[in-house]
Amino acid sequence: MIIQHNIISYNRAKAIIMAITVIGFIIALTLGFLMAKIISKQLKKIVEFSVALGNGDLTKSVDINSNDEIGKVANALNQSKEN
């Protein structure tokens, strides 16, 4: 009887651990896709601005309000247009 109770407890613990692992994986995957979407959207803006700047269009600017590396690149590109 004790062995059967231990087997049931083990199976329950294993199921809980597997469920937590799957939920964590789904959350990590979702956050990864969201971050990739945000980053690619900002990079697309930078590329569009760079193409316009390369074509001589000085009327455009990059509108990215961020303090990360992408924001620094956007600010540098905006400054290069002004100079």
Protein backbone atom coordinates (compact mmCIF):
# COMPACT_ATOMS: atom_id res chain seq x y z
CA MET A 1 0.00 0.00 0.00
CA ILE A 2 2.82 2.42 0.80
CA ILE A 3 4.54 1.59 -2.48
CA GLN A 4 1.32 2.20 -4.41
CA HIS A 5 0.87 5.55 -2.64
CA ASN A 6 4.47 6.50 -3.52
CA ILE A 7 3.92 5.58 -7.16
CA ILE A 8 0.79 7.74 -7.28
CA SER A 9 2.68 10.65 -5.66
CA TYR A 10 5.57 10.20 -8.11
CA ASN A 11 3.23 10.17 -11.13
CA ARG A 12 1.42 13.26 -9.86
CA ALA A 13 4.70 15.12 -9.28
CA LYS A 14 5.96 14.07 -12.73
CA ALA A 15 2.75 15.34 -14.36
CA ILE A 16 3.01 18.68 -12.53
CA ILE A 17 6.66 19.12 -13.53
CA MET A 18 5.87 18.30 -17.15
CA ALA A 19 2.94 20.74 -17.17
CA ILE A 20 5.07 23.51 -15.69
CA THR A 21 7.80 22.79 -18.25
CA VAL A 22 5.35 22.94 -21.16
CA ILE A 23 3.77 26.15 -19.86
CA GLY A 24 7.23 27.71 -19.39
CA PHE A 25 8.22 26.69 -22.92
CA ILE A 26 5.06 28.23 -24.37
CA ILE A 27 5.62 31.46 -22.44
CA ALA A 28 9.28 31.64 -23.54
CA LEU A 29 8.33 30.96 -27.15
CA THR A 30 5.62 33.64 -27.09
CA LEU A 31 7.94 36.23 -25.56
CA GLY A 32 10.62 35.37 -28.10
CA PHE A 33 8.24 35.90 -31.00
CA LEU A 34 6.98 39.18 -29.53
CA MET A 35 10.51 40.49 -29.04
CA ALA A 36 11.52 39.42 -32.54
CA LYS A 37 8.49 41.20 -33.98
CA ILE A 38 9.27 44.42 -32.11
CA ILE A 39 12.93 44.37 -33.12
CA SER A 40 12.22 43.57 -36.77
CA LYS A 41 9.62 46.35 -36.94
CA GLN A 42 12.17 48.87 -35.67
CA LEU A 43 14.86 47.58 -38.03
CA LYS A 44 12.43 47.87 -40.93
CA LYS A 45 11.95 51.56 -40.10
CA ILE A 46 15.72 52.06 -40.05
CA VAL A 47 16.16 50.29 -43.39
CA GLU A 48 13.38 52.34 -45.01
CA PHE A 49 14.97 55.55 -43.73
CA SER A 50 18.43 54.47 -44.91
CA VAL A 51 17.10 53.71 -48.39
CA ALA A 52 15.35 57.09 -48.54
CA LEU A 53 18.51 58.82 -47.31
CA GLY A 54 20.57 56.95 -49.89
CA ASN A 55 18.18 58.18 -52.57
CA GLY A 56 18.73 61.78 -51.44
CA ASP A 57 15.45 62.24 -49.53
CA LEU A 58 16.34 64.42 -46.55
CA THR A 59 12.73 65.04 -45.52
CA LYS A 60 12.30 61.77 -43.63
CA SER A 61 13.46 60.80 -40.17
CA VAL A 62 13.45 57.67 -38.05
CA ASP A 63 10.84 57.81 -35.29
CA ILE A 64 12.12 55.32 -32.71
CA ASN A 65 12.03 56.39 -29.07
CA SER A 66 14.28 53.88 -27.38
CA ASN A 67 17.49 53.89 -25.38
CA ASP A 68 18.72 50.51 -26.59
CA GLU A 69 21.12 49.85 -29.45
CA ILE A 70 18.44 50.22 -32.11
CA GLY A 71 17.42 53.56 -30.66
CA LYS A 72 21.04 54.70 -30.71
CA VAL A 73 21.37 53.72 -34.36
CA ALA A 74 18.15 55.59 -35.18
CA ASN A 75 19.38 58.70 -33.38
CA ALA A 76 22.74 58.51 -35.14
CA LEU A 77 21.02 58.24 -38.53
CA ASN A 78 18.78 61.22 -37.72
CA GLN A 79 21.87 63.23 -36.69
CA SER A 80 23.70 62.24 -39.86
CA LYS A 81 20.80 63.58 -41.90
CA GLU A 82 20.97 66.90 -40.08
CA ASN A 83 24.72 67.31 -40.65
